[in-house]
Amino acid sequence: MMQTKAMALRHKRAVLVAQIGMERAALAQQGAALRPAALMIDKVSAGIRYLKSHPGLLLLPVAILALWRPRRLLAFAVSSLGMWRLVQRGWRRLRLSSGRNER
């Protein structure tokens, strides 16, 4: 009686160990698909940390823009707005062509 119970427990343990192995393999595959996104998030967060520790770097573009003449600044703003609209239009067309209509 005790032997059959021990054998049943050993069999159940073997089945569970095999199941765990399959689940670990599936989890590793799913994790590999997320690795590029995780690496990008790490790079962005490292950049944000760097800018927080060196706030003077954020003042440099502002100082350069302030030193430009107002006419250049206006031309820069207009061209930037045009570029932004162009990019937005391109993204919208790309989403529509891929069948995704979300905003």
PDB file of N, CA and C in Angstrom:
ATOM      1  N   MET A   1       0.820  -1.191   0.000  1.00  0.00           N
ATOM      2  CA  MET A   1       0.000   0.000   0.000  1.00  0.00           C
ATOM      3  C   MET A   1       0.867   1.260   0.000  1.00  0.00           C
ATOM      4  N   MET A   2       1.858   1.275   0.903  1.00  0.00           N
ATOM      5  CA  MET A   2       2.733   2.436   0.994  1.00  0.00           C
ATOM      6  C   MET A   2       3.570   2.580  -0.261  1.00  0.00           C
ATOM      7  N   GLN A   3       3.960   1.431  -0.848  1.00  0.00           N
ATOM      8  CA  GLN A   3       4.771   1.469  -2.064  1.00  0.00           C
ATOM      9  C   GLN A   3       3.980   2.040  -3.229  1.00  0.00           C
ATOM     10  N   THR A   4       2.728   1.668  -3.360  1.00  0.00           N
ATOM     11  CA  THR A   4       1.929   2.179  -4.477  1.00  0.00           C
ATOM     12  C   THR A   4       1.690   3.686  -4.327  1.00  0.00           C
ATOM     13  N   LYS A   5       1.536   4.137  -3.091  1.00  0.00           N
ATOM     14  CA  LYS A   5       1.356   5.567  -2.852  1.00  0.00           C
ATOM     15  C   LYS A   5       2.641   6.324  -3.213  1.00  0.00           C
ATOM     16  N   ALA A   6       3.776   5.760  -2.837  1.00  0.00           N
ATOM     17  CA  ALA A   6       5.063   6.381  -3.151  1.00  0.00           C
ATOM     18  C   ALA A   6       5.283   6.395  -4.660  1.00  0.00           C
ATOM     19  N   MET A   7       4.918   5.318  -5.332  1.00  0.00           N
ATOM     20  CA  MET A   7       5.072   5.263  -6.787  1.00  0.00           C
ATOM     21  C   MET A   7       4.154   6.288  -7.466  1.00  0.00           C
ATOM     22  N   ALA A   8       2.942   6.435  -6.961  1.00  0.00           N
ATOM     23  CA  ALA A   8       2.004   7.410  -7.527  1.00  0.00           C
ATOM     24  C   ALA A   8       2.541   8.827  -7.341  1.00  0.00           C
ATOM     25  N   LEU A   9       3.127   9.065  -6.172  1.00  0.00           N
ATOM     26  CA  LEU A   9       3.700  10.393  -5.919  1.00  0.00           C
ATOM     27  C   LEU A   9       4.898  10.659  -6.840  1.00  0.00           C
ATOM     28  N   ARG A  10       5.743   9.630  -7.036  1.00  0.00           N
ATOM     29  CA  ARG A  10       6.897   9.786  -7.941  1.00  0.00           C
ATOM     30  C   ARG A  10       6.434  10.055  -9.365  1.00  0.00           C
ATOM     31  N   HIS A  11       5.392   9.349  -9.793  1.00  0.00           N
ATOM     32  CA  HIS A  11       4.860   9.561 -11.144  1.00  0.00           C
ATOM     33  C   HIS A  11       4.274  10.974 -11.278  1.00  0.00           C
ATOM     34  N   LYS A  12       3.528  11.390 -10.286  1.00  0.00           N
ATOM     35  CA  LYS A  12       2.936  12.728 -10.321  1.00  0.00           C
ATOM     36  C   LYS A  12       4.027  13.798 -10.347  1.00  0.00           C
ATOM     37  N   ARG A  13       5.088  13.569  -9.573  1.00  0.00           N
ATOM     38  CA  ARG A  13       6.215  14.519  -9.550  1.00  0.00           C
ATOM     39  C   ARG A  13       6.875  14.580 -10.919  1.00  0.00           C
ATOM     40  N   ALA A  14       7.065  13.442 -11.560  1.00  0.00           N
ATOM     41  CA  ALA A  14       7.696  13.417 -12.885  1.00  0.00           C
ATOM     42  C   ALA A  14       6.841  14.166 -13.904  1.00  0.00           C
ATOM     43  N   VAL A  15       5.528  13.977 -13.828  1.00  0.00           N
ATOM     44  CA  VAL A  15       4.623  14.686 -14.739  1.00  0.00           C
ATOM     45  C   VAL A  15       4.708  16.190 -14.502  1.00  0.00           C
ATOM     46  N   LEU A  16       4.724  16.595 -13.234  1.00  0.00           N
ATOM     47  CA  LEU A  16       4.797  18.022 -12.919  1.00  0.00           C
ATOM     48  C   LEU A  16       6.127  18.629 -13.352  1.00  0.00           C
ATOM     49  N   VAL A  17       7.223  17.922 -13.167  1.00  0.00           N
ATOM     50  CA  VAL A  17       8.537  18.411 -13.587  1.00  0.00           C
ATOM     51  C   VAL A  17       8.574  18.591 -15.102  1.00  0.00           C
ATOM     52  N   ALA A  18       7.982  17.650 -15.842  1.00  0.00           N
ATOM     53  CA  ALA A  18       7.930  17.773 -17.305  1.00  0.00           C
ATOM     54  C   ALA A  18       7.071  18.970 -17.713  1.00  0.00           C
ATOM     55  N   GLN A  19       5.960  19.169 -17.031  1.00  0.00           N
ATOM     56  CA  GLN A  19       5.081  20.297 -17.327  1.00  0.00           C
ATOM     57  C   GLN A  19       5.800  21.616 -17.046  1.00  0.00           C
ATOM     58  N   ILE A  20       6.528  21.680 -15.948  1.00  0.00           N
ATOM     59  CA  ILE A  20       7.282  22.886 -15.614  1.00  0.00           C
ATOM     60  C   ILE A  20       8.327  23.179 -16.686  1.00  0.00           C
ATOM     61  N   GLY A  21       8.968  22.141 -17.189  1.00  0.00           N
ATOM     62  CA  GLY A  21       9.957  22.327 -18.244  1.00  0.00           C
ATOM     63  C   GLY A  21       9.353  22.926 -19.497  1.00  0.00           C
ATOM     64  N   MET A  22       8.179  22.433 -19.875  1.00  0.00           N
ATOM     65  CA  MET A  22       7.504  22.983 -21.062  1.00  0.00           C
ATOM     66  C   MET A  22       7.076  24.432 -20.830  1.00  0.00           C
ATOM     67  N   GLU A  23       6.563  24.736 -19.623  1.00  0.00           N
ATOM     68  CA  GLU A  23       6.146  26.101 -19.322  1.00  0.00           C
ATOM     69  C   GLU A  23       7.342  27.052 -19.319  1.00  0.00           C
ATOM     70  N   ARG A  24       8.479  26.614 -18.805  1.00  0.00           N
ATOM     71  CA  ARG A  24       9.686  27.450 -18.811  1.00  0.00           C
ATOM     72  C   ARG A  24      10.152  27.735 -20.237  1.00  0.00           C
ATOM     73  N   ALA A  25      10.083  26.742 -21.099  1.00  0.00           N
ATOM     74  CA  ALA A  25      10.493  26.936 -22.491  1.00  0.00           C
ATOM     75  C   ALA A  25       9.564  27.939 -23.192  1.00  0.00           C
ATOM     76  N   ALA A  26       8.257  27.818 -22.937  1.00  0.00           N
ATOM     77  CA  ALA A  26       7.303  28.749 -23.541  1.00  0.00           C
ATOM     78  C   ALA A  26       7.529  30.165 -23.020  1.00  0.00           C
ATOM     79  N   LEU A  27       7.793  30.297 -21.737  1.00  0.00           N
ATOM     80  CA  LEU A  27       8.044  31.607 -21.153  1.00  0.00           C
ATOM     81  C   LEU A  27       9.323  32.225 -21.713  1.00  0.00           C
ATOM     82  N   ALA A  28      10.342  31.410 -21.931  1.00  0.00           N
ATOM     83  CA  ALA A  28      11.591  31.911 -22.507  1.00  0.00           C
ATOM     84  C   ALA A  28      11.364  32.418 -23.927  1.00  0.00           C
ATOM     85  N   GLN A  29      10.535  31.730 -24.700  1.00  0.00           N
ATOM     86  CA  GLN A  29      10.218  32.185 -26.060  1.00  0.00           C
ATOM     87  C   GLN A  29       9.472  33.514 -26.039  1.00  0.00           C
ATOM     88  N   GLN A  30       8.506  33.626 -25.167  1.00  0.00           N
ATOM     89  CA  GLN A  30       7.730  34.865 -25.075  1.00  0.00           C
ATOM     90  C   GLN A  30       8.609  36.017 -24.594  1.00  0.00           C
ATOM     91  N   GLY A  31       9.507  35.732 -23.675  1.00  0.00           N
ATOM     92  CA  GLY A  31      10.422  36.756 -23.173  1.00  0.00           C
ATOM     93  C   GLY A  31      11.388  37.227 -24.239  1.00  0.00           C
ATOM     94  N   ALA A  32      11.801  36.329 -25.121  1.00  0.00           N
ATOM     95  CA  ALA A  32      12.721  36.695 -26.192  1.00  0.00           C
ATOM     96  C   ALA A  32      12.063  37.676 -27.159  1.00  0.00           C
ATOM     97  N   ALA A  33      10.769  37.555 -27.349  1.00  0.00           N
ATOM     98  CA  ALA A  33      10.064  38.476 -28.238  1.00  0.00           C
ATOM     99  C   ALA A  33       9.994  39.874 -27.638  1.00  0.00           C
ATOM    100  N   LEU A  34      10.006  39.970 -26.324  1.00  0.00           N
ATOM    101  CA  LEU A  34       9.916  41.272 -25.654  1.00  0.00           C
ATOM    102  C   LEU A  34      11.287  41.912 -25.421  1.00  0.00           C
ATOM    103  N   ARG A  35      12.356  41.188 -25.673  1.00  0.00           N
ATOM    104  CA  ARG A  35      13.699  41.698 -25.379  1.00  0.00           C
ATOM    105  C   ARG A  35      14.037  42.998 -26.106  1.00  0.00           C
ATOM    106  N   PRO A  36      13.757  43.153 -27.415  1.00  0.00           N
ATOM    107  CA  PRO A  36      14.093  44.429 -28.073  1.00  0.00           C
ATOM    108  C   PRO A  36      13.362  45.626 -27.458  1.00  0.00           C
ATOM    109  N   ALA A  37      12.108  45.431 -27.091  1.00  0.00           N
ATOM    110  CA  ALA A  37      11.355  46.524 -26.464  1.00  0.00           C
ATOM    111  C   ALA A  37      11.948  46.865 -25.101  1.00  0.00           C
ATOM    112  N   ALA A  38      12.339  45.852 -24.345  1.00  0.00           N
ATOM    113  CA  ALA A  38      12.941  46.095 -23.037  1.00  0.00           C
ATOM    114  C   ALA A  38      14.274  46.823 -23.167  1.00  0.00           C
ATOM    115  N   LEU A  39      15.062  46.476 -24.174  1.00  0.00           N
ATOM    116  CA  LEU A  39      16.334  47.162 -24.392  1.00  0.00           C
ATOM    117  C   LEU A  39      16.114  48.631 -24.747  1.00  0.00           C
ATOM    118  N   MET A  40      15.100  48.902 -25.564  1.00  0.00           N
ATOM    119  CA  MET A  40      14.802  50.286 -25.932  1.00  0.00           C
ATOM    120  C   MET A  40      14.353  51.078 -24.711  1.00  0.00           C
ATOM    121  N   ILE A  41      13.530  50.483 -23.872  1.00  0.00           N
ATOM    122  CA  ILE A  41      13.072  51.151 -22.657  1.00  0.00           C
ATOM    123  C   ILE A  41      14.257  51.445 -21.750  1.00  0.00           C
ATOM    124  N   ASP A  42      15.197  50.505 -21.647  1.00  0.00           N
ATOM    125  CA  ASP A  42      16.395  50.728 -20.840  1.00  0.00           C
ATOM    126  C   ASP A  42      17.212  51.899 -21.368  1.00  0.00           C
ATOM    127  N   LYS A  43      17.362  52.002 -22.692  1.00  0.00           N
ATOM    128  CA  LYS A  43      18.126  53.106 -23.277  1.00  0.00           C
ATOM    129  C   LYS A  43      17.448  54.446 -23.018  1.00  0.00           C
ATOM    130  N   VAL A  44      16.142  54.489 -23.175  1.00  0.00           N
ATOM    131  CA  VAL A  44      15.416  55.737 -22.950  1.00  0.00           C
ATOM    132  C   VAL A  44      15.521  56.158 -21.489  1.00  0.00           C
ATOM    133  N   SER A  45      15.347  55.216 -20.587  1.00  0.00           N
ATOM    134  CA  SER A  45      15.421  55.567 -19.164  1.00  0.00           C
ATOM    135  C   SER A  45      16.835  55.990 -18.778  1.00  0.00           C
ATOM    136  N   ALA A  46      17.859  55.385 -19.398  1.00  0.00           N
ATOM    137  CA  ALA A  46      19.234  55.814 -19.132  1.00  0.00           C
ATOM    138  C   ALA A  46      19.453  57.236 -19.637  1.00  0.00           C
ATOM    139  N   GLY A  47      18.880  57.565 -20.791  1.00  0.00           N
ATOM    140  CA  GLY A  47      18.992  58.929 -21.313  1.00  0.00           C
ATOM    141  C   GLY A  47      18.302  59.937 -20.412  1.00  0.00           C
ATOM    142  N   ILE A  48      17.149  59.575 -19.899  1.00  0.00           N
ATOM    143  CA  ILE A  48      16.422  60.475 -18.995  1.00  0.00           C
ATOM    144  C   ILE A  48      17.215  60.683 -17.707  1.00  0.00           C
ATOM    145  N   ARG A  49      17.784  59.601 -17.176  1.00  0.00           N
ATOM    146  CA  ARG A  49      18.612  59.731 -15.964  1.00  0.00           C
ATOM    147  C   ARG A  49      19.813  60.638 -16.225  1.00  0.00           C
ATOM    148  N   TYR A  50      20.428  60.487 -17.404  1.00  0.00           N
ATOM    149  CA  TYR A  50      21.587  61.318 -17.743  1.00  0.00           C
ATOM    150  C   TYR A  50      21.189  62.788 -17.821  1.00  0.00           C
ATOM    151  N   LEU A  51      20.063  63.075 -18.461  1.00  0.00           N
ATOM    152  CA  LEU A  51      19.617  64.466 -18.562  1.00  0.00           C
ATOM    153  C   LEU A  51      19.244  65.039 -17.198  1.00  0.00           C
ATOM    154  N   LYS A  52      18.705  64.207 -16.323  1.00  0.00           N
ATOM    155  CA  LYS A  52      18.390  64.684 -14.971  1.00  0.00           C
ATOM    156  C   LYS A  52      19.651  65.021 -14.200  1.00  0.00           C
ATOM    157  N   SER A  53      20.709  64.263 -14.434  1.00  0.00           N
ATOM    158  CA  SER A  53      21.957  64.537 -13.724  1.00  0.00           C
ATOM    159  C   SER A  53      22.777  65.638 -14.384  1.00  0.00           C
ATOM    160  N   HIS A  54      22.458  66.012 -15.625  1.00  0.00           N
ATOM    161  CA  HIS A  54      23.144  67.082 -16.348  1.00  0.00           C
ATOM    162  C   HIS A  54      22.113  68.054 -16.924  1.00  0.00           C
ATOM    163  N   PRO A  55      21.420  68.817 -16.073  1.00  0.00           N
ATOM    164  CA  PRO A  55      20.349  69.688 -16.570  1.00  0.00           C
ATOM    165  C   PRO A  55      20.858  70.819 -17.461  1.00  0.00           C
ATOM    166  N   GLY A  56      22.129  71.130 -17.389  1.00  0.00           N
ATOM    167  CA  GLY A  56      22.687  72.175 -18.240  1.00  0.00           C
ATOM    168  C   GLY A  56      22.590  71.846 -19.712  1.00  0.00           C
ATOM    169  N   LEU A  57      22.573  70.561 -20.030  1.00  0.00           N
ATOM    170  CA  LEU A  57      22.453  70.156 -21.428  1.00  0.00           C
ATOM    171  C   LEU A  57      21.107  70.544 -22.026  1.00  0.00           C
ATOM    172  N   LEU A  58      20.103  70.640 -21.191  1.00  0.00           N
ATOM    173  CA  LEU A  58      18.795  71.058 -21.677  1.00  0.00           C
ATOM    174  C   LEU A  58      18.754  72.558 -21.964  1.00  0.00           C
ATOM    175  N   LEU A  59      19.631  73.303 -21.298  1.00  0.00           N
ATOM    176  CA  LEU A  59      19.654  74.748 -21.513  1.00  0.00           C
ATOM    177  C   LEU A  59      20.392  75.130 -22.792  1.00  0.00           C
ATOM    178  N   LEU A  60      21.246  74.270 -23.279  1.00  0.00           N
ATOM    179  CA  LEU A  60      22.029  74.574 -24.470  1.00  0.00           C
ATOM    180  C   LEU A  60      21.155  74.853 -25.694  1.00  0.00           C
ATOM    181  N   PRO A  61      20.191  73.999 -26.047  1.00  0.00           N
ATOM    182  CA  PRO A  61      19.346  74.327 -27.203  1.00  0.00           C
ATOM    183  C   PRO A  61      18.543  75.611 -27.005  1.00  0.00           C
ATOM    184  N   VAL A  62      18.104  75.860 -25.774  1.00  0.00           N
ATOM    185  CA  VAL A  62      17.355  77.083 -25.495  1.00  0.00           C
ATOM    186  C   VAL A  62      18.244  78.299 -25.704  1.00  0.00           C
ATOM    187  N   ALA A  63      19.486  78.216 -25.243  1.00  0.00           N
ATOM    188  CA  ALA A  63      20.418  79.335 -25.416  1.00  0.00           C
ATOM    189  C   ALA A  63      20.724  79.566 -26.897  1.00  0.00           C
ATOM    190  N   ILE A  64      20.897  78.492 -27.648  1.00  0.00           N
ATOM    191  CA  ILE A  64      21.167  78.635 -29.083  1.00  0.00           C
ATOM    192  C   ILE A  64      19.986  79.301 -29.787  1.00  0.00           C
ATOM    193  N   LEU A  65      18.786  78.882 -29.447  1.00  0.00           N
ATOM    194  CA  LEU A  65      17.600  79.486 -30.058  1.00  0.00           C
ATOM    195  C   LEU A  65      17.452  80.951 -29.662  1.00  0.00           C
ATOM    196  N   ALA A  66      17.809  81.284 -28.424  1.00  0.00           N
ATOM    197  CA  ALA A  66      17.697  82.673 -27.977  1.00  0.00           C
ATOM    198  C   ALA A  66      18.711  83.563 -28.683  1.00  0.00           C
ATOM    199  N   LEU A  67      19.867  83.002 -29.051  1.00  0.00           N
ATOM    200  CA  LEU A  67      20.892  83.783 -29.730  1.00  0.00           C
ATOM    201  C   LEU A  67      20.575  84.004 -31.203  1.00  0.00           C
ATOM    202  N   TRP A  68      19.749  83.175 -31.772  1.00  0.00           N
ATOM    203  CA  TRP A  68      19.351  83.365 -33.159  1.00  0.00           C
ATOM    204  C   TRP A  68      18.499  84.613 -33.272  1.00  0.00           C
ATOM    205  N   ARG A  69      18.501  85.164 -34.415  1.00  0.00           N
ATOM    206  CA  ARG A  69      17.609  86.305 -34.635  1.00  0.00           C
ATOM    207  C   ARG A  69      16.170  85.815 -34.661  1.00  0.00           C
ATOM    208  N   PRO A  70      15.236  86.664 -34.274  1.00  0.00           N
ATOM    209  CA  PRO A  70      13.827  86.242 -34.239  1.00  0.00           C
ATOM    210  C   PRO A  70      13.318  85.758 -35.590  1.00  0.00           C
ATOM    211  N   ARG A  71      13.841  86.312 -36.666  1.00  0.00           N
ATOM    212  CA  ARG A  71      13.383  85.905 -37.990  1.00  0.00           C
ATOM    213  C   ARG A  71      13.755  84.441 -38.248  1.00  0.00           C
ATOM    214  N   ARG A  72      14.964  84.061 -37.872  1.00  0.00           N
ATOM    215  CA  ARG A  72      15.392  82.659 -38.032  1.00  0.00           C
ATOM    216  C   ARG A  72      14.564  81.751 -37.130  1.00  0.00           C
ATOM    217  N   LEU A  73      14.279  82.256 -35.952  1.00  0.00           N
ATOM    218  CA  LEU A  73      13.486  81.456 -35.025  1.00  0.00           C
ATOM    219  C   LEU A  73      12.103  81.194 -35.599  1.00  0.00           C
ATOM    220  N   LEU A  74      11.509  82.194 -36.201  1.00  0.00           N
ATOM    221  CA  LEU A  74      10.201  82.030 -36.813  1.00  0.00           C
ATOM    222  C   LEU A  74      10.266  81.046 -37.986  1.00  0.00           C
ATOM    223  N   ALA A  75      11.299  81.177 -38.807  1.00  0.00           N
ATOM    224  CA  ALA A  75      11.459  80.252 -39.931  1.00  0.00           C
ATOM    225  C   ALA A  75      11.663  78.822 -39.429  1.00  0.00           C
ATOM    226  N   PHE A  76      12.428  78.677 -38.363  1.00  0.00           N
ATOM    227  CA  PHE A  76      12.653  77.354 -37.777  1.00  0.00           C
ATOM    228  C   PHE A  76      11.347  76.770 -37.246  1.00  0.00           C
ATOM    229  N   ALA A  77      10.545  77.617 -36.592  1.00  0.00           N
ATOM    230  CA  ALA A  77       9.276  77.140 -36.042  1.00  0.00           C
ATOM    231  C   ALA A  77       8.326  76.713 -37.159  1.00  0.00           C
ATOM    232  N   VAL A  78       8.276  77.493 -38.229  1.00  0.00           N
ATOM    233  CA  VAL A  78       7.384  77.156 -39.345  1.00  0.00           C
ATOM    234  C   VAL A  78       7.836  75.858 -40.012  1.00  0.00           C
ATOM    235  N   SER A  79       9.126  75.713 -40.253  1.00  0.00           N
ATOM    236  CA  SER A  79       9.600  74.480 -40.889  1.00  0.00           C
ATOM    237  C   SER A  79       9.414  73.276 -39.973  1.00  0.00           C
ATOM    238  N   SER A  80       9.587  73.470 -38.669  1.00  0.00           N
ATOM    239  CA  SER A  80       9.376  72.365 -37.723  1.00  0.00           C
ATOM    240  C   SER A  80       7.920  71.934 -37.716  1.00  0.00           C
ATOM    241  N   LEU A  81       7.010  72.912 -37.761  1.00  0.00           N
ATOM    242  CA  LEU A  81       5.590  72.584 -37.787  1.00  0.00           C
ATOM    243  C   LEU A  81       5.240  71.829 -39.069  1.00  0.00           C
ATOM    244  N   GLY A  82       5.801  72.269 -40.191  1.00  0.00           N
ATOM    245  CA  GLY A  82       5.556  71.575 -41.450  1.00  0.00           C
ATOM    246  C   GLY A  82       6.081  70.154 -41.424  1.00  0.00           C
ATOM    247  N   MET A  83       7.261  69.973 -40.850  1.00  0.00           N
ATOM    248  CA  MET A  83       7.841  68.630 -40.753  1.00  0.00           C
ATOM    249  C   MET A  83       6.980  67.754 -39.847  1.00  0.00           C
ATOM    250  N   TRP A  84       6.506  68.316 -38.730  1.00  0.00           N
ATOM    251  CA  TRP A  84       5.653  67.569 -37.802  1.00  0.00           C
ATOM    252  C   TRP A  84       4.379  67.099 -38.504  1.00  0.00           C
ATOM    253  N   ARG A  85       3.761  67.994 -39.266  1.00  0.00           N
ATOM    254  CA  ARG A  85       2.541  67.622 -39.983  1.00  0.00           C
ATOM    255  C   ARG A  85       2.818  66.534 -41.015  1.00  0.00           C
ATOM    256  N   LEU A  86       3.950  66.643 -41.694  1.00  0.00           N
ATOM    257  CA  LEU A  86       4.321  65.645 -42.691  1.00  0.00           C
ATOM    258  C   LEU A  86       4.500  64.271 -42.045  1.00  0.00           C
ATOM    259  N   VAL A  87       5.175  64.251 -40.910  1.00  0.00           N
ATOM    260  CA  VAL A  87       5.389  62.981 -40.206  1.00  0.00           C
ATOM    261  C   VAL A  87       4.065  62.405 -39.727  1.00  0.00           C
ATOM    262  N   GLN A  88       3.207  63.265 -39.173  1.00  0.00           N
ATOM    263  CA  GLN A  88       1.913  62.786 -38.698  1.00  0.00           C
ATOM    264  C   GLN A  88       1.081  62.220 -39.842  1.00  0.00           C
ATOM    265  N   ARG A  89       1.087  62.883 -40.992  1.00  0.00           N
ATOM    266  CA  ARG A  89       0.351  62.405 -42.156  1.00  0.00           C
ATOM    267  C   ARG A  89       0.898  61.051 -42.612  1.00  0.00           C
ATOM    268  N   GLY A  90       2.228  60.929 -42.589  1.00  0.00           N
ATOM    269  CA  GLY A  90       2.846  59.662 -42.989  1.00  0.00           C
ATOM    270  C   GLY A  90       2.469  58.525 -42.055  1.00  0.00           C
ATOM    271  N   TRP A  91       2.491  58.803 -40.744  1.00  0.00           N
ATOM    272  CA  TRP A  91       2.104  57.767 -39.780  1.00  0.00           C
ATOM    273  C   TRP A  91       0.648  57.366 -39.971  1.00  0.00           C
ATOM    274  N   ARG A  92      -0.209  58.363 -40.224  1.00  0.00           N
ATOM    275  CA  ARG A  92      -1.629  58.072 -40.414  1.00  0.00           C
ATOM    276  C   ARG A  92      -1.831  57.178 -41.631  1.00  0.00           C
ATOM    277  N   ARG A  93      -1.145  57.506 -42.724  1.00  0.00           N
ATOM    278  CA  ARG A  93      -1.271  56.687 -43.931  1.00  0.00           C
ATOM    279  C   ARG A  93      -0.737  55.280 -43.708  1.00  0.00           C
ATOM    280  N   LEU A  94       0.354  55.186 -42.951  1.00  0.00           N
ATOM    281  CA  LEU A  94       0.933  53.877 -42.661  1.00  0.00           C
ATOM    282  C   LEU A  94      -0.029  53.029 -41.840  1.00  0.00           C
ATOM    283  N   ARG A  95      -0.666  53.663 -40.848  1.00  0.00           N
ATOM    284  CA  ARG A  95      -1.640  52.923 -40.027  1.00  0.00           C
ATOM    285  C   ARG A  95      -2.833  52.486 -40.850  1.00  0.00           C
ATOM    286  N   LEU A  96      -3.309  53.362 -41.733  1.00  0.00           N
ATOM    287  CA  LEU A  96      -4.455  53.008 -42.567  1.00  0.00           C
ATOM    288  C   LEU A  96      -4.117  51.895 -43.548  1.00  0.00           C
ATOM    289  N   SER A  97      -2.894  51.925 -44.088  1.00  0.00           N
ATOM    290  CA  SER A  97      -2.527  50.896 -45.048  1.00  0.00           C
ATOM    291  C   SER A  97      -2.283  49.542 -44.377  1.00  0.00           C
ATOM    292  N   SER A  98      -1.944  49.571 -43.071  1.00  0.00           N
ATOM    293  CA  SER A  98      -1.731  48.306 -42.379  1.00  0.00           C
ATOM    294  C   SER A  98      -3.031  47.766 -41.790  1.00  0.00           C
ATOM    295  N   GLY A  99      -4.129  48.513 -41.963  1.00  0.00           N
ATOM    296  CA  GLY A  99      -5.424  48.020 -41.491  1.00  0.00           C
ATOM    297  C   GLY A  99      -5.750  48.414 -40.071  1.00  0.00           C
ATOM    298  N   ARG A 100      -4.919  49.244 -39.458  1.00  0.00           N
ATOM    299  CA  ARG A 100      -5.179  49.690 -38.090  1.00  0.00           C
ATOM    300  C   ARG A 100      -5.763  51.094 -38.143  1.00  0.00           C
ATOM    301  N   ASN A 101      -6.978  51.262 -37.711  1.00  0.00           N
ATOM    302  CA  ASN A 101      -7.654  52.557 -37.772  1.00  0.00           C
ATOM    303  C   ASN A 101      -7.677  53.262 -36.424  1.00  0.00           C
ATOM    304  N   GLU A 102      -6.864  52.828 -35.483  1.00  0.00           N
ATOM    305  CA  GLU A 102      -6.895  53.453 -34.169  1.00  0.00           C
ATOM    306  C   GLU A 102      -6.110  54.761 -34.181  1.00  0.00           C
ATOM    307  N   ARG A 103      -6.416  55.627 -33.268  1.00  0.00           N
ATOM    308  CA  ARG A 103      -5.743  56.922 -33.180  1.00  0.00           C
ATOM    309  C   ARG A 103      -4.756  56.943 -32.111  1.00  0.00           C
TER     310      ARG A 103
END
